[in-house]
Structure formats: structure tokens, C-alpha cells
Amino acid sequence: MREDIKEYNTVENIARKFIEAVKNGNSAIVKPYFYEKACFFGQLNEKVYQSGSIEEFYNTIDSFGACDDNYTARVDVIALEKTIATVRVIEDNWHGYKFTDFLIMNKINGTWKIVSKVYDTLQDLNK
């Protein structure tokens, strides 16, 4: 039996807040949706692996600033089971990069939180 549609809508809306924050270069938009001890891991340009606390991700968003009008993104809710969800965010033209992010969410005390962000850089559009 699948979960109620409202749960899918909730996790999708959280992913849209993620997109809004990234697009506007303002981590404050998405901070309330991350678990305080969330982490991230990813690969940049198939060479550099990055990992750490989510604070490093916030700092990256804020330091790069807003994207230009060419930035686009989409959200896919991949799976949702009771208190866990996986959401894919595909981004094009984030300061010259294409990203795929997987946001792993957990329903903690009745509230959905992003507990982990895993990403890969698909291509450097500047090259």
C-alpha cells in the first residue's frame, strides 16, 4: 500500500525549497528543511570528492550567489515509505554546471527533514 499523496506533495515541496535556495544563492530558504546533523557527499567534475556537514553546502550556496535566468531544475519523488523518502533533483546551469542531487529524507517527530544530500556533477558547461 502506498503512502497518501499529501506525503508525496510534502517531500516534493521541500525539494522545491532546495531548488529555490540554490537558484537564489540563499541557504536560509532551505535550512529549516535540513536535519541539523545532515551531511553531504558528492563528486565534482569526476575528480574531486566532497563530503562533510551540511554547513559546507550552505556556505557554497551563499558564496556562489544567485544563478542567472538559464538555471532550470526538476523534482522526481523516487520512493516514499512511511518515514523515509528519496527525491531526485536534476539541475542545469548552476553557475555552469549540471547536477543530479539525491535528497534523502526522514520523517522525524512528524516532520520531514533532509538528512543527507548526495550529488554528482554531470558536466561542466563552461568547457
N, C-alpha and C. Protein backbone atom coordinates (compact mmCIF):
# COMPACT_ATOMS: atom_id res chain seq x y z
N MET A 1 0.83 -1.18 0.00
CA MET A 1 0.00 0.00 0.00
C MET A 1 0.88 1.25 0.00
N ARG A 2 0.59 2.17 -0.88
CA ARG A 2 1.41 3.38 -0.95
C ARG A 2 0.93 4.41 0.05
N GLU A 3 1.82 5.34 0.33
CA GLU A 3 1.51 6.43 1.26
C GLU A 3 0.53 7.41 0.62
N ASP A 4 -0.08 8.22 1.43
CA ASP A 4 -1.03 9.24 0.98
C ASP A 4 -0.33 10.26 0.08
N ILE A 5 -1.04 10.72 -0.92
CA ILE A 5 -0.49 11.70 -1.87
C ILE A 5 0.03 12.94 -1.16
N LYS A 6 -0.58 13.35 -0.07
CA LYS A 6 -0.11 14.56 0.63
C LYS A 6 1.33 14.40 1.12
N GLU A 7 1.73 13.18 1.45
CA GLU A 7 3.12 12.95 1.87
C GLU A 7 4.07 13.16 0.69
N TYR A 8 3.69 12.69 -0.48
CA TYR A 8 4.49 12.91 -1.69
C TYR A 8 4.60 14.41 -1.98
N ASN A 9 3.48 15.11 -1.86
CA ASN A 9 3.48 16.55 -2.10
C ASN A 9 4.37 17.28 -1.10
N THR A 10 4.37 16.84 0.14
CA THR A 10 5.20 17.48 1.15
C THR A 10 6.68 17.34 0.83
N VAL A 11 7.13 16.11 0.50
CA VAL A 11 8.56 15.95 0.20
C VAL A 11 8.93 16.64 -1.11
N GLU A 12 8.01 16.66 -2.07
CA GLU A 12 8.27 17.40 -3.31
C GLU A 12 8.43 18.88 -3.02
N ASN A 13 7.59 19.44 -2.17
CA ASN A 13 7.67 20.87 -1.84
C ASN A 13 8.96 21.20 -1.11
N ILE A 14 9.45 20.29 -0.28
CA ILE A 14 10.75 20.50 0.37
C ILE A 14 11.86 20.55 -0.68
N ALA A 15 11.81 19.66 -1.65
CA ALA A 15 12.80 19.67 -2.73
C ALA A 15 12.70 20.97 -3.53
N ARG A 16 11.52 21.50 -3.69
CA ARG A 16 11.35 22.78 -4.40
C ARG A 16 11.96 23.93 -3.59
N LYS A 17 11.92 23.84 -2.27
CA LYS A 17 12.60 24.84 -1.42
C LYS A 17 14.11 24.74 -1.62
N PHE A 18 14.61 23.52 -1.77
CA PHE A 18 16.02 23.29 -2.07
C PHE A 18 16.39 24.01 -3.36
N ILE A 19 15.56 23.82 -4.41
CA ILE A 19 15.80 24.47 -5.69
C ILE A 19 15.76 25.99 -5.55
N GLU A 20 14.79 26.49 -4.83
CA GLU A 20 14.67 27.94 -4.63
C GLU A 20 15.92 28.51 -3.95
N ALA A 21 16.42 27.80 -2.95
CA ALA A 21 17.63 28.24 -2.24
C ALA A 21 18.84 28.26 -3.15
N VAL A 22 19.02 27.18 -3.92
CA VAL A 22 20.16 27.07 -4.82
C VAL A 22 20.08 28.14 -5.90
N LYS A 23 18.90 28.32 -6.48
CA LYS A 23 18.73 29.29 -7.56
C LYS A 23 19.00 30.72 -7.08
N ASN A 24 18.57 31.03 -5.86
CA ASN A 24 18.72 32.39 -5.34
C ASN A 24 20.00 32.62 -4.55
N GLY A 25 20.81 31.57 -4.37
CA GLY A 25 22.05 31.71 -3.62
C GLY A 25 21.80 32.08 -2.17
N ASN A 26 20.75 31.51 -1.59
CA ASN A 26 20.35 31.88 -0.23
C ASN A 26 20.00 30.62 0.56
N SER A 27 20.95 30.12 1.31
CA SER A 27 20.75 28.88 2.06
C SER A 27 19.67 29.00 3.13
N ALA A 28 19.39 30.21 3.59
CA ALA A 28 18.37 30.40 4.63
C ALA A 28 17.01 29.85 4.20
N ILE A 29 16.76 29.82 2.91
CA ILE A 29 15.49 29.32 2.39
C ILE A 29 15.31 27.84 2.69
N VAL A 30 16.38 27.06 2.62
CA VAL A 30 16.28 25.61 2.77
C VAL A 30 16.74 25.10 4.14
N LYS A 31 17.44 25.90 4.91
CA LYS A 31 17.94 25.43 6.21
C LYS A 31 16.88 24.81 7.10
N PRO A 32 15.68 25.37 7.18
CA PRO A 32 14.67 24.76 8.07
C PRO A 32 14.27 23.35 7.66
N TYR A 33 14.58 22.94 6.45
CA TYR A 33 14.17 21.63 5.94
C TYR A 33 15.26 20.57 6.08
N PHE A 34 16.45 20.98 6.50
CA PHE A 34 17.53 20.03 6.74
C PHE A 34 17.60 19.67 8.22
N TYR A 35 17.86 18.42 8.49
CA TYR A 35 18.14 17.97 9.84
C TYR A 35 19.44 18.63 10.27
N GLU A 36 19.52 19.03 11.51
CA GLU A 36 20.69 19.79 11.99
C GLU A 36 22.02 19.05 11.83
N LYS A 37 22.00 17.73 11.83
CA LYS A 37 23.22 16.94 11.68
C LYS A 37 23.32 16.30 10.29
N ALA A 38 22.63 16.87 9.32
CA ALA A 38 22.65 16.33 7.96
C ALA A 38 24.07 16.39 7.39
N CYS A 39 24.32 15.54 6.40
CA CYS A 39 25.63 15.52 5.75
C CYS A 39 25.44 15.51 4.24
N PHE A 40 26.55 15.72 3.54
CA PHE A 40 26.51 15.65 2.08
C PHE A 40 27.74 14.92 1.58
N PHE A 41 27.61 14.37 0.38
CA PHE A 41 28.72 13.70 -0.27
C PHE A 41 28.50 13.81 -1.76
N GLY A 42 29.57 14.04 -2.50
CA GLY A 42 29.40 14.12 -3.94
C GLY A 42 30.70 14.18 -4.68
N GLN A 43 30.56 14.23 -5.99
CA GLN A 43 31.70 14.25 -6.88
C GLN A 43 31.57 15.44 -7.82
N LEU A 44 32.62 16.23 -7.89
CA LEU A 44 32.66 17.41 -8.75
C LEU A 44 33.59 17.14 -9.92
N ASN A 45 33.06 17.24 -11.13
CA ASN A 45 33.86 17.04 -12.35
C ASN A 45 34.59 15.70 -12.39
N GLU A 46 33.97 14.66 -11.85
CA GLU A 46 34.53 13.31 -11.86
C GLU A 46 35.91 13.21 -11.24
N LYS A 47 36.32 14.21 -10.47
CA LYS A 47 37.67 14.21 -9.90
C LYS A 47 37.67 14.43 -8.40
N VAL A 48 36.96 15.43 -7.94
CA VAL A 48 37.04 15.85 -6.56
C VAL A 48 35.84 15.34 -5.77
N TYR A 49 36.10 14.55 -4.76
CA TYR A 49 35.04 14.10 -3.87
C TYR A 49 34.93 15.09 -2.72
N GLN A 50 33.71 15.46 -2.41
CA GLN A 50 33.48 16.39 -1.33
C GLN A 50 32.52 15.73 -0.34
N SER A 51 32.76 15.95 0.94
CA SER A 51 31.85 15.44 1.95
C SER A 51 31.98 16.29 3.20
N GLY A 52 30.98 16.21 4.03
CA GLY A 52 31.05 16.95 5.28
C GLY A 52 29.69 17.30 5.82
N SER A 53 29.71 18.24 6.74
CA SER A 53 28.45 18.68 7.34
C SER A 53 27.70 19.54 6.34
N ILE A 54 26.44 19.65 6.53
CA ILE A 54 25.60 20.41 5.62
C ILE A 54 25.95 21.90 5.65
N GLU A 55 26.60 22.34 6.69
CA GLU A 55 27.05 23.75 6.76
C GLU A 55 27.95 24.10 5.58
N GLU A 56 28.76 23.16 5.14
CA GLU A 56 29.62 23.40 3.98
C GLU A 56 28.80 23.62 2.72
N PHE A 57 27.72 22.88 2.59
CA PHE A 57 26.80 23.07 1.47
C PHE A 57 26.17 24.46 1.54
N TYR A 58 25.71 24.86 2.72
CA TYR A 58 25.13 26.20 2.88
C TYR A 58 26.13 27.28 2.47
N ASN A 59 27.37 27.12 2.92
CA ASN A 59 28.41 28.10 2.59
C ASN A 59 28.64 28.19 1.08
N THR A 60 28.59 27.05 0.40
CA THR A 60 28.77 27.04 -1.06
C THR A 60 27.64 27.79 -1.75
N ILE A 61 26.41 27.50 -1.37
CA ILE A 61 25.26 28.21 -1.96
C ILE A 61 25.41 29.72 -1.78
N ASP A 62 25.69 30.12 -0.55
CA ASP A 62 25.77 31.54 -0.25
C ASP A 62 26.93 32.23 -0.94
N SER A 63 28.07 31.54 -1.04
CA SER A 63 29.24 32.18 -1.65
C SER A 63 29.11 32.31 -3.17
N PHE A 64 28.44 31.37 -3.82
CA PHE A 64 28.25 31.47 -5.27
C PHE A 64 27.18 32.47 -5.64
N GLY A 65 26.21 32.67 -4.78
CA GLY A 65 25.15 33.64 -5.06
C GLY A 65 24.11 33.12 -6.03
N ALA A 66 23.27 34.02 -6.47
CA ALA A 66 22.14 33.68 -7.34
C ALA A 66 22.61 33.22 -8.71
N CYS A 67 21.82 32.33 -9.30
CA CYS A 67 22.07 31.85 -10.66
C CYS A 67 21.46 32.83 -11.66
N ASP A 68 21.90 32.71 -12.91
CA ASP A 68 21.26 33.53 -13.95
C ASP A 68 19.96 32.88 -14.39
N ASP A 69 19.29 33.49 -15.33
CA ASP A 69 17.97 33.03 -15.77
C ASP A 69 18.00 31.70 -16.50
N ASN A 70 19.17 31.18 -16.86
CA ASN A 70 19.26 29.91 -17.56
C ASN A 70 19.16 28.70 -16.63
N TYR A 71 19.16 28.92 -15.32
CA TYR A 71 19.08 27.83 -14.36
C TYR A 71 17.70 27.17 -14.46
N THR A 72 17.68 25.84 -14.56
CA THR A 72 16.44 25.09 -14.55
C THR A 72 16.62 23.86 -13.68
N ALA A 73 15.50 23.37 -13.15
CA ALA A 73 15.56 22.18 -12.30
C ALA A 73 14.23 21.46 -12.32
N ARG A 74 14.27 20.19 -11.97
CA ARG A 74 13.06 19.40 -11.84
C ARG A 74 13.18 18.48 -10.63
N VAL A 75 12.04 18.02 -10.15
CA VAL A 75 11.97 17.17 -8.98
C VAL A 75 11.27 15.86 -9.34
N ASP A 76 11.83 14.75 -8.88
CA ASP A 76 11.20 13.44 -9.01
C ASP A 76 11.19 12.78 -7.63
N VAL A 77 10.02 12.42 -7.12
CA VAL A 77 9.95 11.65 -5.89
C VAL A 77 10.15 10.19 -6.29
N ILE A 78 11.29 9.65 -5.92
CA ILE A 78 11.67 8.30 -6.33
C ILE A 78 11.00 7.24 -5.46
N ALA A 79 11.03 7.46 -4.17
CA ALA A 79 10.45 6.49 -3.25
C ALA A 79 9.98 7.19 -1.98
N LEU A 80 8.91 6.67 -1.41
CA LEU A 80 8.41 7.17 -0.14
C LEU A 80 7.78 5.99 0.59
N GLU A 81 8.34 5.65 1.72
CA GLU A 81 7.86 4.53 2.54
C GLU A 81 7.79 4.98 3.99
N LYS A 82 6.60 5.13 4.50
CA LYS A 82 6.33 5.51 5.89
C LYS A 82 7.13 6.74 6.32
N THR A 83 8.35 6.54 6.84
CA THR A 83 9.13 7.67 7.38
C THR A 83 10.40 7.97 6.59
N ILE A 84 10.55 7.36 5.40
CA ILE A 84 11.74 7.63 4.58
C ILE A 84 11.32 7.99 3.17
N ALA A 85 12.11 8.86 2.55
CA ALA A 85 11.84 9.26 1.17
C ALA A 85 13.15 9.57 0.46
N THR A 86 13.16 9.31 -0.84
CA THR A 86 14.28 9.68 -1.70
C THR A 86 13.73 10.53 -2.83
N VAL A 87 14.33 11.69 -3.00
CA VAL A 87 13.91 12.64 -4.02
C VAL A 87 15.11 12.98 -4.89
N ARG A 88 14.91 12.96 -6.20
CA ARG A 88 15.97 13.35 -7.13
C ARG A 88 15.69 14.76 -7.62
N VAL A 89 16.73 15.60 -7.60
CA VAL A 89 16.65 16.95 -8.16
C VAL A 89 17.67 17.04 -9.27
N ILE A 90 17.20 17.33 -10.47
CA ILE A 90 18.08 17.49 -11.63
C ILE A 90 18.20 18.98 -11.90
N GLU A 91 19.45 19.46 -12.01
CA GLU A 91 19.69 20.89 -12.21
C GLU A 91 20.58 21.11 -13.43
N ASP A 92 20.22 22.10 -14.22
CA ASP A 92 21.04 22.54 -15.35
C ASP A 92 21.41 24.01 -15.14
N ASN A 93 22.64 24.32 -15.50
CA ASN A 93 23.12 25.70 -15.50
C ASN A 93 23.24 26.32 -14.11
N TRP A 94 23.68 25.53 -13.11
CA TRP A 94 24.02 26.11 -11.83
C TRP A 94 25.45 26.62 -11.93
N HIS A 95 25.60 27.88 -12.23
CA HIS A 95 26.92 28.51 -12.39
C HIS A 95 27.81 27.70 -13.34
N GLY A 96 27.20 27.21 -14.42
CA GLY A 96 27.95 26.48 -15.43
C GLY A 96 27.99 24.98 -15.25
N TYR A 97 27.30 24.45 -14.27
CA TYR A 97 27.32 23.01 -14.00
C TYR A 97 25.94 22.39 -14.14
N LYS A 98 25.96 21.06 -14.40
CA LYS A 98 24.75 20.25 -14.38
C LYS A 98 24.90 19.29 -13.20
N PHE A 99 23.91 19.23 -12.34
CA PHE A 99 23.96 18.38 -11.16
C PHE A 99 22.77 17.43 -11.13
N THR A 100 23.00 16.29 -10.53
CA THR A 100 21.93 15.43 -10.06
C THR A 100 22.14 15.29 -8.56
N ASP A 101 21.11 15.66 -7.81
CA ASP A 101 21.14 15.55 -6.34
C ASP A 101 20.12 14.52 -5.91
N PHE A 102 20.47 13.71 -4.94
CA PHE A 102 19.51 12.86 -4.27
C PHE A 102 19.39 13.37 -2.85
N LEU A 103 18.18 13.73 -2.48
CA LEU A 103 17.89 14.18 -1.13
C LEU A 103 17.23 13.03 -0.39
N ILE A 104 17.87 12.58 0.67
CA ILE A 104 17.32 11.50 1.47
C ILE A 104 16.62 12.17 2.66
N MET A 105 15.34 11.84 2.82
CA MET A 105 14.55 12.48 3.87
C MET A 105 14.06 11.45 4.87
N ASN A 106 13.85 11.92 6.08
CA ASN A 106 13.31 11.10 7.15
C ASN A 106 12.25 11.91 7.87
N LYS A 107 11.17 11.27 8.22
CA LYS A 107 10.10 11.94 8.96
C LYS A 107 10.43 11.82 10.44
N ILE A 108 10.87 12.92 11.03
CA ILE A 108 11.33 12.95 12.41
C ILE A 108 10.30 13.69 13.25
N ASN A 109 9.76 13.02 14.23
CA ASN A 109 8.72 13.61 15.08
C ASN A 109 7.61 14.25 14.26
N GLY A 110 7.22 13.58 13.17
CA GLY A 110 6.11 14.04 12.35
C GLY A 110 6.46 15.07 11.29
N THR A 111 7.74 15.45 11.18
CA THR A 111 8.16 16.48 10.23
C THR A 111 9.24 15.91 9.30
N TRP A 112 9.04 16.10 8.00
CA TRP A 112 10.03 15.65 7.03
C TRP A 112 11.26 16.54 7.07
N LYS A 113 12.44 15.92 7.15
CA LYS A 113 13.73 16.62 7.14
C LYS A 113 14.66 15.94 6.16
N ILE A 114 15.47 16.73 5.48
CA ILE A 114 16.54 16.18 4.63
C ILE A 114 17.67 15.78 5.56
N VAL A 115 18.05 14.51 5.54
CA VAL A 115 19.11 14.04 6.42
C VAL A 115 20.43 13.85 5.67
N SER A 116 20.33 13.77 4.33
CA SER A 116 21.54 13.57 3.54
C SER A 116 21.31 14.09 2.12
N LYS A 117 22.37 14.67 1.57
CA LYS A 117 22.37 15.15 0.18
C LYS A 117 23.55 14.48 -0.50
N VAL A 118 23.27 13.74 -1.57
CA VAL A 118 24.32 13.07 -2.34
C VAL A 118 24.19 13.58 -3.77
N TYR A 119 25.31 13.94 -4.37
CA TYR A 119 25.22 14.55 -5.71
C TYR A 119 26.35 14.09 -6.62
N ASP A 120 26.13 14.36 -7.91
CA ASP A 120 27.14 14.13 -8.92
C ASP A 120 27.07 15.28 -9.92
N THR A 121 28.22 15.70 -10.39
CA THR A 121 28.29 16.71 -11.44
C THR A 121 28.31 15.97 -12.76
N LEU A 122 27.35 16.27 -13.60
CA LEU A 122 27.27 15.56 -14.87
C LEU A 122 28.17 16.15 -15.93
N GLN A 123 28.36 17.46 -15.88
CA GLN A 123 29.14 18.10 -16.94
C GLN A 123 29.47 19.51 -16.51
N ASP A 124 30.65 19.98 -16.86
CA ASP A 124 30.99 21.39 -16.70
C ASP A 124 30.62 22.07 -18.00
N LEU A 125 29.57 22.87 -17.98
CA LEU A 125 29.08 23.52 -19.20
C LEU A 125 30.02 24.58 -19.74
N ASN A 126 31.01 24.99 -18.93
CA ASN A 126 31.95 26.03 -19.35
C ASN A 126 33.07 25.46 -20.21
N LYS A 127 33.14 24.16 -20.34
CA LYS A 127 34.24 23.57 -21.12
C LYS A 127 33.76 23.11 -22.45
